């Protein structure tokens, strides 16, 4: 692992690490603020709600969209927290699966990436395979009945 850490440090100089940390911290603050605002808007005063069924349905849909967006943003905040912890430990930029340097271009595009491209591809392929397996089992069971 020492070789990989040295490689990662060579790939990310102090200036780049500082820039990544500043970017991640600023992104985290912005996302948390967005989540807070979304949750405040969701379910705003019931007195302000329309009595028309179509308008109520629209308001409910908008609330559900706000909650889904806030949930997604909260998950990104958690990913950013993991990246910031990695920065603090000097492990930022290392693939969590193989330990290789993730790559500067990938980190700039996705600063909280936890895997290198090959390992991320394998993880996504395994995830797709795992989600297809129960569905295929259900289809086979349905054919037997």
Protein backbone atom coordinates (compact mmCIF):
# COMPACT_ATOMS: atom_id res chain seq x y z
CA UNK A 1 0.00 0.00 0.00
CA UNK A 2 2.97 2.34 0.50
CA UNK A 3 3.67 2.28 -3.24
CA UNK A 4 0.08 3.26 -3.99
CA UNK A 5 0.13 6.05 -1.41
CA UNK A 6 3.32 7.44 -2.93
CA UNK A 7 1.72 7.25 -6.38
CA UNK A 8 -1.37 9.07 -5.11
CA UNK A 9 0.73 11.79 -3.53
CA UNK A 10 2.60 12.20 -6.80
CA UNK A 11 -0.74 12.54 -8.60
CA UNK A 12 -2.17 15.04 -6.14
CA UNK A 13 0.18 17.80 -5.06
CA UNK A 14 -0.57 20.00 -2.04
CA UNK A 15 -2.16 22.72 -4.13
CA UNK A 16 -4.49 20.24 -5.84
CA UNK A 17 -5.37 18.63 -2.49
CA UNK A 18 -6.17 22.07 -1.02
CA UNK A 19 -8.30 22.95 -4.06
CA UNK A 20 -10.18 19.65 -3.82
CA UNK A 21 -10.78 20.15 -0.11
CA UNK A 22 -12.06 23.70 -0.65
CA UNK A 23 -14.30 22.53 -3.49
CA UNK A 24 -15.68 19.61 -1.45
CA UNK A 25 -16.33 21.80 1.59
CA UNK A 26 -18.06 24.49 -0.48
CA UNK A 27 -20.16 21.86 -2.30
CA UNK A 28 -21.11 20.29 1.05
CA UNK A 29 -22.26 23.64 2.47
CA UNK A 30 -24.29 24.43 -0.67
CA UNK A 31 -25.94 20.99 -0.68
CA UNK A 32 -26.83 21.16 3.02
CA UNK A 33 -28.37 24.58 2.50
CA UNK A 34 -30.34 23.28 -0.48
CA UNK A 35 -31.59 20.29 1.55
CA UNK A 36 -32.66 22.60 4.39
CA UNK A 37 -34.55 24.90 2.00
CA UNK A 38 -36.21 21.96 0.23
CA UNK A 39 -37.40 20.49 3.50
CA UNK A 40 -38.74 23.87 4.63
CA UNK A 41 -40.72 24.20 1.39
CA UNK A 42 -42.08 20.67 1.60
CA UNK A 43 -45.40 20.53 3.32
CA UNK A 44 -45.57 24.31 3.65
CA UNK A 45 -48.50 25.56 5.66
CA UNK A 46 -51.58 23.43 5.11
CA UNK A 47 -53.63 26.64 5.21
CA UNK A 48 -51.89 27.75 2.01
CA UNK A 49 -52.84 24.52 0.24
CA UNK A 50 -55.46 24.59 -2.44
CA UNK A 51 -58.82 22.91 -1.98
CA UNK A 52 -58.96 21.91 -5.65
CA UNK A 53 -58.14 18.20 -6.18
CA UNK A 54 -55.94 18.83 -9.23
CA UNK A 55 -54.00 21.57 -7.46
CA UNK A 56 -53.63 19.33 -4.38
CA UNK A 57 -52.27 16.53 -6.54
CA UNK A 58 -49.79 18.94 -8.14
CA UNK A 59 -48.69 20.24 -4.74
CA UNK A 60 -48.25 16.69 -3.48
CA UNK A 61 -46.19 15.77 -6.53
CA UNK A 62 -44.00 18.84 -6.06
CA UNK A 63 -43.50 17.93 -2.38
CA UNK A 64 -42.50 14.39 -3.34
CA UNK A 65 -40.03 15.74 -5.90
CA UNK A 66 -38.53 18.07 -3.28
CA UNK A 67 -38.11 15.16 -0.86
CA UNK A 68 -36.50 12.98 -3.55
CA UNK A 69 -34.10 15.80 -4.46
CA UNK A 70 -33.24 16.41 -0.81
CA UNK A 71 -32.62 12.67 -0.35
CA UNK A 72 -30.28 12.57 -3.34
CA UNK A 73 -28.44 15.66 -2.14
CA UNK A 74 -28.10 14.15 1.34
CA UNK A 75 -26.48 11.06 -0.18
CA UNK A 76 -24.00 13.27 -2.06
CA UNK A 77 -23.21 15.06 1.23
CA UNK A 78 -22.42 11.66 2.78
CA UNK A 79 -20.09 10.87 -0.15
CA UNK A 80 -18.39 14.23 0.29
CA UNK A 81 -17.94 13.52 4.01
CA UNK A 82 -16.18 10.23 3.15
CA UNK A 83 -13.93 12.07 0.67
CA UNK A 84 -13.07 14.74 3.26
CA UNK A 85 -12.24 12.03 5.80
CA UNK A 86 -9.95 10.43 3.20
CA UNK A 87 -8.25 13.79 2.65
CA UNK A 88 -7.68 14.10 6.38
CA UNK A 89 -6.09 10.64 6.55
CA UNK A 90 -3.99 11.18 3.41
CA UNK A 91 -5.92 8.46 1.57
CA UNK A 92 -7.89 10.67 -0.79
CA UNK A 93 -7.75 9.56 -4.40
CA UNK A 94 -7.22 5.87 -3.65
CA UNK A 95 -9.67 3.27 -4.93
CA UNK A 96 -11.54 1.63 -2.06
CA UNK A 97 -11.50 -1.72 -3.89
CA UNK A 98 -7.99 -2.11 -5.35
CA UNK A 99 -6.06 0.71 -3.66
CA UNK A 100 -4.82 2.18 -6.96
CA UNK A 101 -4.78 5.92 -7.63
CA UNK A 102 -8.19 6.90 -9.02
CA UNK A 103 -6.73 9.44 -11.40
CA UNK A 104 -6.70 13.20 -11.41
CA UNK A 105 -9.09 13.58 -14.36
CA UNK A 106 -11.70 11.34 -12.67
CA UNK A 107 -11.31 13.15 -9.34
CA UNK A 108 -11.75 16.51 -11.01
CA UNK A 109 -14.90 15.28 -12.73
CA UNK A 110 -16.20 13.43 -9.65
CA UNK A 111 -14.30 14.72 -6.60
CA UNK A 112 -15.90 12.22 -4.23
CA UNK A 113 -15.23 9.17 -6.40
CA UNK A 114 -14.36 6.17 -4.26
CA UNK A 115 -13.32 3.78 -7.02
CA UNK A 116 -11.10 3.87 -10.09
CA UNK A 117 -12.90 3.48 -13.42
CA UNK A 118 -12.28 -0.29 -13.81
CA UNK A 119 -13.45 -1.08 -10.25
CA UNK A 120 -16.49 1.23 -10.61
CA UNK A 121 -17.42 -0.56 -13.84
CA UNK A 122 -17.18 -3.93 -12.12
CA UNK A 123 -19.23 -2.71 -9.16
CA UNK A 124 -21.96 -1.38 -11.46
CA UNK A 125 -21.97 -4.61 -13.46
CA UNK A 126 -22.31 -6.66 -10.26
CA UNK A 127 -25.11 -4.38 -9.07
CA UNK A 128 -26.99 -4.82 -12.36
CA UNK A 129 -26.47 -8.58 -12.15
CA UNK A 130 -27.74 -8.65 -8.55
CA UNK A 131 -30.88 -6.67 -9.42
CA UNK A 132 -31.63 -8.87 -12.44
CA UNK A 133 -31.26 -12.16 -10.53
CA UNK A 134 -34.41 -11.79 -8.33
CA UNK A 135 -36.44 -10.69 -11.33
CA UNK A 136 -35.30 -13.72 -13.34
CA UNK A 137 -36.13 -15.98 -10.37
CA UNK A 138 -39.61 -14.51 -10.17
CA UNK A 139 -40.14 -15.09 -13.89
CA UNK A 140 -39.04 -18.72 -13.58
CA UNK A 141 -41.36 -19.23 -10.61
CA UNK A 142 -44.25 -17.70 -12.54
CA UNK A 143 -43.62 -20.09 -15.43
CA UNK A 144 -43.89 -23.07 -13.08
CA UNK A 145 -47.39 -22.10 -11.92
